[in-house]
PDB file of N, CA and C in Angstrom:
ATOM      1  N   UNK A   1      17.829   1.069  11.687  1.00  0.00           N
ATOM      2  CA  UNK A   1      16.844   0.912  10.681  1.00  0.00           C
ATOM      3  C   UNK A   1      17.649  -0.052   9.588  1.00  0.00           C
ATOM      4  N   UNK A   2      18.805  -0.387  10.029  1.00  0.00           N
ATOM      5  CA  UNK A   2      19.524  -1.296   9.199  1.00  0.00           C
ATOM      6  C   UNK A   2      19.350  -2.913   9.586  1.00  0.00           C
ATOM      7  N   UNK A   3      18.613  -3.006  10.763  1.00  0.00           N
ATOM      8  CA  UNK A   3      18.438  -4.488  11.160  1.00  0.00           C
ATOM      9  C   UNK A   3      17.198  -4.777  10.734  1.00  0.00           C
ATOM     10  N   UNK A   4      16.478  -4.226   9.774  1.00  0.00           N
ATOM     11  CA  UNK A   4      15.115  -4.694   9.114  1.00  0.00           C
ATOM     12  C   UNK A   4      15.422  -5.630   8.224  1.00  0.00           C
ATOM     13  N   UNK A   5      14.272  -6.674   8.194  1.00  0.00           N
ATOM     14  CA  UNK A   5      14.155  -7.633   7.252  1.00  0.00           C
ATOM     15  C   UNK A   5      13.855  -7.372   5.918  1.00  0.00           C
ATOM     16  N   UNK A   6      14.242  -7.957   5.063  1.00  0.00           N
ATOM     17  CA  UNK A   6      13.905  -7.666   3.550  1.00  0.00           C
ATOM     18  C   UNK A   6      12.318  -7.558   3.333  1.00  0.00           C
ATOM     19  N   UNK A   7      11.518  -8.094   4.169  1.00  0.00           N
ATOM     20  CA  UNK A   7      10.109  -7.908   3.948  1.00  0.00           C
ATOM     21  C   UNK A   7       9.538  -6.595   4.585  1.00  0.00           C
ATOM     22  N   UNK A   8      10.484  -6.176   5.530  1.00  0.00           N
ATOM     23  CA  UNK A   8      10.081  -4.634   5.978  1.00  0.00           C
ATOM     24  C   UNK A   8      10.565  -3.751   4.969  1.00  0.00           C
ATOM     25  N   UNK A   9      11.673  -3.898   4.321  1.00  0.00           N
ATOM     26  CA  UNK A   9      12.033  -3.150   3.310  1.00  0.00           C
ATOM     27  C   UNK A   9      11.109  -3.124   2.062  1.00  0.00           C
ATOM     28  N   UNK A  10      10.408  -4.133   1.692  1.00  0.00           N
ATOM     29  CA  UNK A  10       9.595  -4.335   0.603  1.00  0.00           C
ATOM     30  C   UNK A  10       8.327  -3.526   0.921  1.00  0.00           C
ATOM     31  N   UNK A  11       7.853  -3.694   2.226  1.00  0.00           N
ATOM     32  CA  UNK A  11       6.638  -2.872   2.725  1.00  0.00           C
ATOM     33  C   UNK A  11       6.869  -1.362   2.606  1.00  0.00           C
ATOM     34  N   UNK A  12       7.985  -0.921   2.962  1.00  0.00           N
ATOM     35  CA  UNK A  12       8.347   0.406   3.268  1.00  0.00           C
ATOM     36  C   UNK A  12       8.461   0.898   1.603  1.00  0.00           C
ATOM     37  N   UNK A  13       9.060   0.155   0.670  1.00  0.00           N
ATOM     38  CA  UNK A  13       9.095   0.483  -0.659  1.00  0.00           C
ATOM     39  C   UNK A  13       7.681   0.513  -1.187  1.00  0.00           C
ATOM     40  N   UNK A  14       6.906  -0.364  -1.116  1.00  0.00           N
ATOM     41  CA  UNK A  14       5.405  -0.415  -1.478  1.00  0.00           C
ATOM     42  C   UNK A  14       4.715   0.986  -1.236  1.00  0.00           C
ATOM     43  N   UNK A  15       4.876   1.277   0.252  1.00  0.00           N
ATOM     44  CA  UNK A  15       4.066   2.531   0.658  1.00  0.00           C
ATOM     45  C   UNK A  15       4.771   3.731   0.075  1.00  0.00           C
ATOM     46  N   UNK A  16       6.195   3.818  -0.031  1.00  0.00           N
ATOM     47  CA  UNK A  16       6.649   4.935  -0.697  1.00  0.00           C
ATOM     48  C   UNK A  16       6.227   4.967  -2.050  1.00  0.00           C
ATOM     49  N   UNK A  17       6.056   3.889  -2.861  1.00  0.00           N
ATOM     50  CA  UNK A  17       5.606   4.022  -4.207  1.00  0.00           C
ATOM     51  C   UNK A  17       4.076   4.610  -4.245  1.00  0.00           C
ATOM     52  N   UNK A  18       3.413   4.112  -3.284  1.00  0.00           N
ATOM     53  CA  UNK A  18       1.928   4.414  -3.332  1.00  0.00           C
ATOM     54  C   UNK A  18       1.809   5.930  -2.663  1.00  0.00           C
ATOM     55  N   UNK A  19       2.582   6.466  -2.104  1.00  0.00           N
ATOM     56  CA  UNK A  19       2.659   7.994  -1.709  1.00  0.00           C
ATOM     57  C   UNK A  19       2.866   8.876  -3.093  1.00  0.00           C
ATOM     58  N   UNK A  20       3.729   8.285  -3.883  1.00  0.00           N
ATOM     59  CA  UNK A  20       4.103   8.879  -5.202  1.00  0.00           C
ATOM     60  C   UNK A  20       2.882   8.806  -6.136  1.00  0.00           C
ATOM     61  N   UNK A  21       2.161   7.930  -6.111  1.00  0.00           N
ATOM     62  CA  UNK A  21       1.204   7.736  -7.307  1.00  0.00           C
ATOM     63  C   UNK A  21      -0.176   7.615  -6.642  1.00  0.00           C
ATOM     64  N   UNK A  22      -0.428   8.088  -5.342  1.00  0.00           N
ATOM     65  CA  UNK A  22      -1.838   8.074  -4.957  1.00  0.00           C
ATOM     66  C   UNK A  22      -2.676   8.977  -5.461  1.00  0.00           C
ATOM     67  N   UNK A  23      -2.133  10.165  -6.013  1.00  0.00           N
ATOM     68  CA  UNK A  23      -3.247  11.187  -6.459  1.00  0.00           C
ATOM     69  C   UNK A  23      -3.909  10.733  -7.715  1.00  0.00           C
ATOM     70  N   UNK A  24      -3.049  10.165  -8.683  1.00  0.00           N
ATOM     71  CA  UNK A  24      -4.028   9.665  -9.729  1.00  0.00           C
ATOM     72  C   UNK A  24      -4.928   8.695  -9.528  1.00  0.00           C
ATOM     73  N   UNK A  25      -4.472   7.931  -8.605  1.00  0.00           N
ATOM     74  CA  UNK A  25      -5.368   6.782  -8.320  1.00  0.00           C
ATOM     75  C   UNK A  25      -6.748   7.464  -7.591  1.00  0.00           C
ATOM     76  N   UNK A  26      -6.671   8.252  -6.655  1.00  0.00           N
ATOM     77  CA  UNK A  26      -7.650   8.898  -6.100  1.00  0.00           C
ATOM     78  C   UNK A  26      -8.635   9.614  -6.946  1.00  0.00           C
ATOM     79  N   UNK A  27      -8.104  10.256  -8.077  1.00  0.00           N
ATOM     80  CA  UNK A  27      -8.639  10.914  -9.052  1.00  0.00           C
ATOM     81  C   UNK A  27      -9.445   9.844  -9.935  1.00  0.00           C
ATOM     82  N   UNK A  28      -8.809   8.660 -10.367  1.00  0.00           N
ATOM     83  CA  UNK A  28      -9.339   7.688 -10.923  1.00  0.00           C
ATOM     84  C   UNK A  28     -10.777   7.155 -10.280  1.00  0.00           C
ATOM     85  N   UNK A  29     -10.431   7.069  -8.826  1.00  0.00           N
ATOM     86  CA  UNK A  29     -11.609   6.494  -8.104  1.00  0.00           C
ATOM     87  C   UNK A  29     -12.636   7.297  -7.601  1.00  0.00           C
ATOM     88  N   UNK A  30     -12.252   8.717  -7.869  1.00  0.00           N
ATOM     89  CA  UNK A  30     -13.202   9.660  -7.501  1.00  0.00           C
ATOM     90  C   UNK A  30     -14.695   9.569  -7.784  1.00  0.00           C
ATOM     91  N   UNK A  31     -15.583   9.898  -7.227  1.00  0.00           N
ATOM     92  CA  UNK A  31     -16.888   9.692  -7.585  1.00  0.00           C
ATOM     93  C   UNK A  31     -17.709  11.071  -7.809  1.00  0.00           C
ATOM     94  N   UNK A  32     -18.332  11.291  -8.847  1.00  0.00           N
ATOM     95  CA  UNK A  32     -18.796  12.478  -9.303  1.00  0.00           C
ATOM     96  C   UNK A  32     -20.219  12.469  -8.627  1.00  0.00           C
ATOM     97  N   UNK A  33     -20.697  13.693  -8.698  1.00  0.00           N
ATOM     98  CA  UNK A  33     -22.007  14.054  -7.803  1.00  0.00           C
ATOM     99  C   UNK A  33     -23.260  13.738  -8.809  1.00  0.00           C
ATOM    100  N   UNK A  34     -23.121  13.529 -10.176  1.00  0.00           N
ATOM    101  CA  UNK A  34     -24.130  13.319 -11.036  1.00  0.00           C
ATOM    102  C   UNK A  34     -24.784  12.123 -10.899  1.00  0.00           C
ATOM    103  N   UNK A  35     -23.904  11.015 -10.692  1.00  0.00           N
ATOM    104  CA  UNK A  35     -24.335   9.460 -10.682  1.00  0.00           C
ATOM    105  C   UNK A  35     -23.414   8.691  -9.924  1.00  0.00           C
ATOM    106  N   UNK A  36     -23.917   7.530  -9.754  1.00  0.00           N
ATOM    107  CA  UNK A  36     -23.110   6.589  -8.944  1.00  0.00           C
ATOM    108  C   UNK A  36     -22.577   5.575 -10.006  1.00  0.00           C
ATOM    109  N   UNK A  37     -21.194   5.224 -10.127  1.00  0.00           N
ATOM    110  CA  UNK A  37     -20.811   4.453 -11.121  1.00  0.00           C
ATOM    111  C   UNK A  37     -20.325   3.186 -10.230  1.00  0.00           C
ATOM    112  N   UNK A  38     -20.728   2.227 -10.343  1.00  0.00           N
ATOM    113  CA  UNK A  38     -20.554   0.847  -9.443  1.00  0.00           C
ATOM    114  C   UNK A  38     -19.197   0.150  -9.975  1.00  0.00           C
ATOM    115  N   UNK A  39     -18.918   0.558 -11.149  1.00  0.00           N
ATOM    116  CA  UNK A  39     -17.726  -0.141 -11.496  1.00  0.00           C
ATOM    117  C   UNK A  39     -16.441   0.356 -10.914  1.00  0.00           C
ATOM    118  N   UNK A  40     -16.440   1.609 -10.536  1.00  0.00           N
ATOM    119  CA  UNK A  40     -15.401   2.320  -9.843  1.00  0.00           C
ATOM    120  C   UNK A  40     -15.066   1.683  -8.336  1.00  0.00           C
ATOM    121  N   UNK A  41     -16.183   1.240  -7.784  1.00  0.00           N
ATOM    122  CA  UNK A  41     -16.133   0.649  -6.416  1.00  0.00           C
ATOM    123  C   UNK A  41     -15.214  -0.553  -6.501  1.00  0.00           C
ATOM    124  N   UNK A  42     -15.140  -1.281  -7.505  1.00  0.00           N
ATOM    125  CA  UNK A  42     -14.406  -2.479  -7.613  1.00  0.00           C
ATOM    126  C   UNK A  42     -12.864  -2.315  -7.538  1.00  0.00           C
ATOM    127  N   UNK A  43     -12.394  -1.071  -8.123  1.00  0.00           N
ATOM    128  CA  UNK A  43     -11.009  -0.745  -7.944  1.00  0.00           C
ATOM    129  C   UNK A  43     -10.688  -0.417  -6.470  1.00  0.00           C
ATOM    130  N   UNK A  44     -11.464  -0.102  -5.912  1.00  0.00           N
ATOM    131  CA  UNK A  44     -11.038   0.112  -4.438  1.00  0.00           C
ATOM    132  C   UNK A  44     -10.513  -1.148  -3.595  1.00  0.00           C
ATOM    133  N   UNK A  45     -11.009  -2.208  -3.924  1.00  0.00           N
ATOM    134  CA  UNK A  45     -10.595  -3.631  -3.388  1.00  0.00           C
ATOM    135  C   UNK A  45      -9.233  -3.687  -3.543  1.00  0.00           C
ATOM    136  N   UNK A  46      -8.667  -3.739  -4.823  1.00  0.00           N
ATOM    137  CA  UNK A  46      -7.193  -4.023  -4.931  1.00  0.00           C
ATOM    138  C   UNK A  46      -6.407  -2.934  -4.300  1.00  0.00           C
ATOM    139  N   UNK A  47      -6.779  -1.698  -4.423  1.00  0.00           N
ATOM    140  CA  UNK A  47      -6.109  -0.541  -3.874  1.00  0.00           C
ATOM    141  C   UNK A  47      -5.961  -0.752  -2.190  1.00  0.00           C
ATOM    142  N   UNK A  48      -7.161  -1.079  -1.572  1.00  0.00           N
ATOM    143  CA  UNK A  48      -7.020  -1.317  -0.091  1.00  0.00           C
ATOM    144  C   UNK A  48      -6.339  -2.414   0.029  1.00  0.00           C
ATOM    145  N   UNK A  49      -6.069  -3.634  -0.659  1.00  0.00           N
ATOM    146  CA  UNK A  49      -5.383  -4.652  -0.445  1.00  0.00           C
ATOM    147  C   UNK A  49      -4.007  -4.474  -0.509  1.00  0.00           C
ATOM    148  N   UNK A  50      -3.543  -3.759  -1.504  1.00  0.00           N
ATOM    149  CA  UNK A  50      -2.190  -3.154  -1.671  1.00  0.00           C
ATOM    150  C   UNK A  50      -1.517  -2.468  -0.319  1.00  0.00           C
ATOM    151  N   UNK A  51      -2.564  -1.641  -0.089  1.00  0.00           N
ATOM    152  CA  UNK A  51      -2.066  -0.829   1.222  1.00  0.00           C
ATOM    153  C   UNK A  51      -2.077  -1.749   2.483  1.00  0.00           C
ATOM    154  N   UNK A  52      -2.893  -2.644   2.575  1.00  0.00           N
ATOM    155  CA  UNK A  52      -2.901  -3.499   3.738  1.00  0.00           C
ATOM    156  C   UNK A  52      -1.593  -4.495   3.706  1.00  0.00           C
ATOM    157  N   UNK A  53      -1.363  -4.928   2.496  1.00  0.00           N
ATOM    158  CA  UNK A  53      -0.117  -5.911   2.446  1.00  0.00           C
ATOM    159  C   UNK A  53       0.987  -5.090   2.536  1.00  0.00           C
ATOM    160  N   UNK A  54       1.182  -3.790   2.274  1.00  0.00           N
ATOM    161  CA  UNK A  54       2.396  -3.140   2.376  1.00  0.00           C
ATOM    162  C   UNK A  54       2.683  -2.831   3.901  1.00  0.00           C
ATOM    163  N   UNK A  55       1.488  -2.380   4.604  1.00  0.00           N
ATOM    164  CA  UNK A  55       1.494  -2.033   5.867  1.00  0.00           C
ATOM    165  C   UNK A  55       1.989  -3.359   6.904  1.00  0.00           C
ATOM    166  N   UNK A  56       1.387  -4.608   6.374  1.00  0.00           N
ATOM    167  CA  UNK A  56       1.576  -5.753   7.142  1.00  0.00           C
ATOM    168  C   UNK A  56       2.976  -6.029   7.210  1.00  0.00           C
ATOM    169  N   UNK A  57       3.556  -5.999   5.737  1.00  0.00           N
ATOM    170  CA  UNK A  57       5.108  -6.218   5.498  1.00  0.00           C
ATOM    171  C   UNK A  57       6.058  -5.204   6.208  1.00  0.00           C
ATOM    172  N   UNK A  58       5.644  -3.996   6.351  1.00  0.00           N
ATOM    173  CA  UNK A  58       6.486  -3.103   7.105  1.00  0.00           C
ATOM    174  C   UNK A  58       6.350  -3.327   8.331  1.00  0.00           C
ATOM    175  N   UNK A  59       5.150  -3.763   9.140  1.00  0.00           N
ATOM    176  CA  UNK A  59       5.186  -3.849  10.417  1.00  0.00           C
ATOM    177  C   UNK A  59       5.672  -5.153  11.100  1.00  0.00           C
ATOM    178  N   UNK A  60       5.569  -6.172  10.178  1.00  0.00           N
ATOM    179  CA  UNK A  60       5.825  -7.456  10.458  1.00  0.00           C
ATOM    180  C   UNK A  60       7.260  -7.801  11.015  1.00  0.00           C
ATOM    181  N   UNK A  61       7.327  -8.517  12.153  1.00  0.00           N
ATOM    182  CA  UNK A  61       8.684  -8.912  12.701  1.00  0.00           C
ATOM    183  C   UNK A  61       9.555  -8.048  12.960  1.00  0.00           C
ATOM    184  N   UNK A  62      10.766  -8.486  13.432  1.00  0.00           N
ATOM    185  CA  UNK A  62      11.821  -7.285  13.850  1.00  0.00           C
ATOM    186  C   UNK A  62      13.043  -7.646  12.885  1.00  0.00           C
ATOM    187  N   UNK A  63      14.180  -7.536  13.676  1.00  0.00           N
ATOM    188  CA  UNK A  63      15.518  -7.761  13.002  1.00  0.00           C
ATOM    189  C   UNK A  63      15.845  -9.214  12.883  1.00  0.00           C
ATOM    190  N   UNK A  64      16.765  -9.443  11.881  1.00  0.00           N
ATOM    191  CA  UNK A  64      16.918 -10.932  11.876  1.00  0.00           C
ATOM    192  C   UNK A  64      17.912 -11.336  12.960  1.00  0.00           C
ATOM    193  N   UNK A  65      17.630 -12.605  13.597  1.00  0.00           N
ATOM    194  CA  UNK A  65      18.338 -13.169  14.764  1.00  0.00           C
ATOM    195  C   UNK A  65      19.777 -13.554  14.458  1.00  0.00           C
ATOM    196  N   UNK A  66      20.032 -13.992  13.223  1.00  0.00           N
ATOM    197  CA  UNK A  66      21.319 -14.464  12.859  1.00  0.00           C
ATOM    198  C   UNK A  66      22.334 -13.511  12.349  1.00  0.00           C
ATOM    199  N   UNK A  67      21.886 -12.168  12.565  1.00  0.00           N
ATOM    200  CA  UNK A  67      22.938 -11.136  12.319  1.00  0.00           C
ATOM    201  C   UNK A  67      23.654 -10.724  13.546  1.00  0.00           C
ATOM    202  N   UNK A  68      25.037 -10.486  13.486  1.00  0.00           N
ATOM    203  CA  UNK A  68      25.731 -10.422  14.718  1.00  0.00           C
ATOM    204  C   UNK A  68      25.409  -8.929  15.199  1.00  0.00           C
TER     205      UNK A  68
END
């Protein structure tokens, strides 16, 4: 794990932070059964983008080639 790039560590940190704060986000985005609130759906887009960026940073590339 020490051969990871800094982008891999950044993606790992982003996902670790998301694991800690996911419950308040899902409660905020939760939809009630009494009606549909279309403004909450707009918050799903940045949350999904955050998770996608974190996953791409974590998966992208391998260890640095210039390390001995």
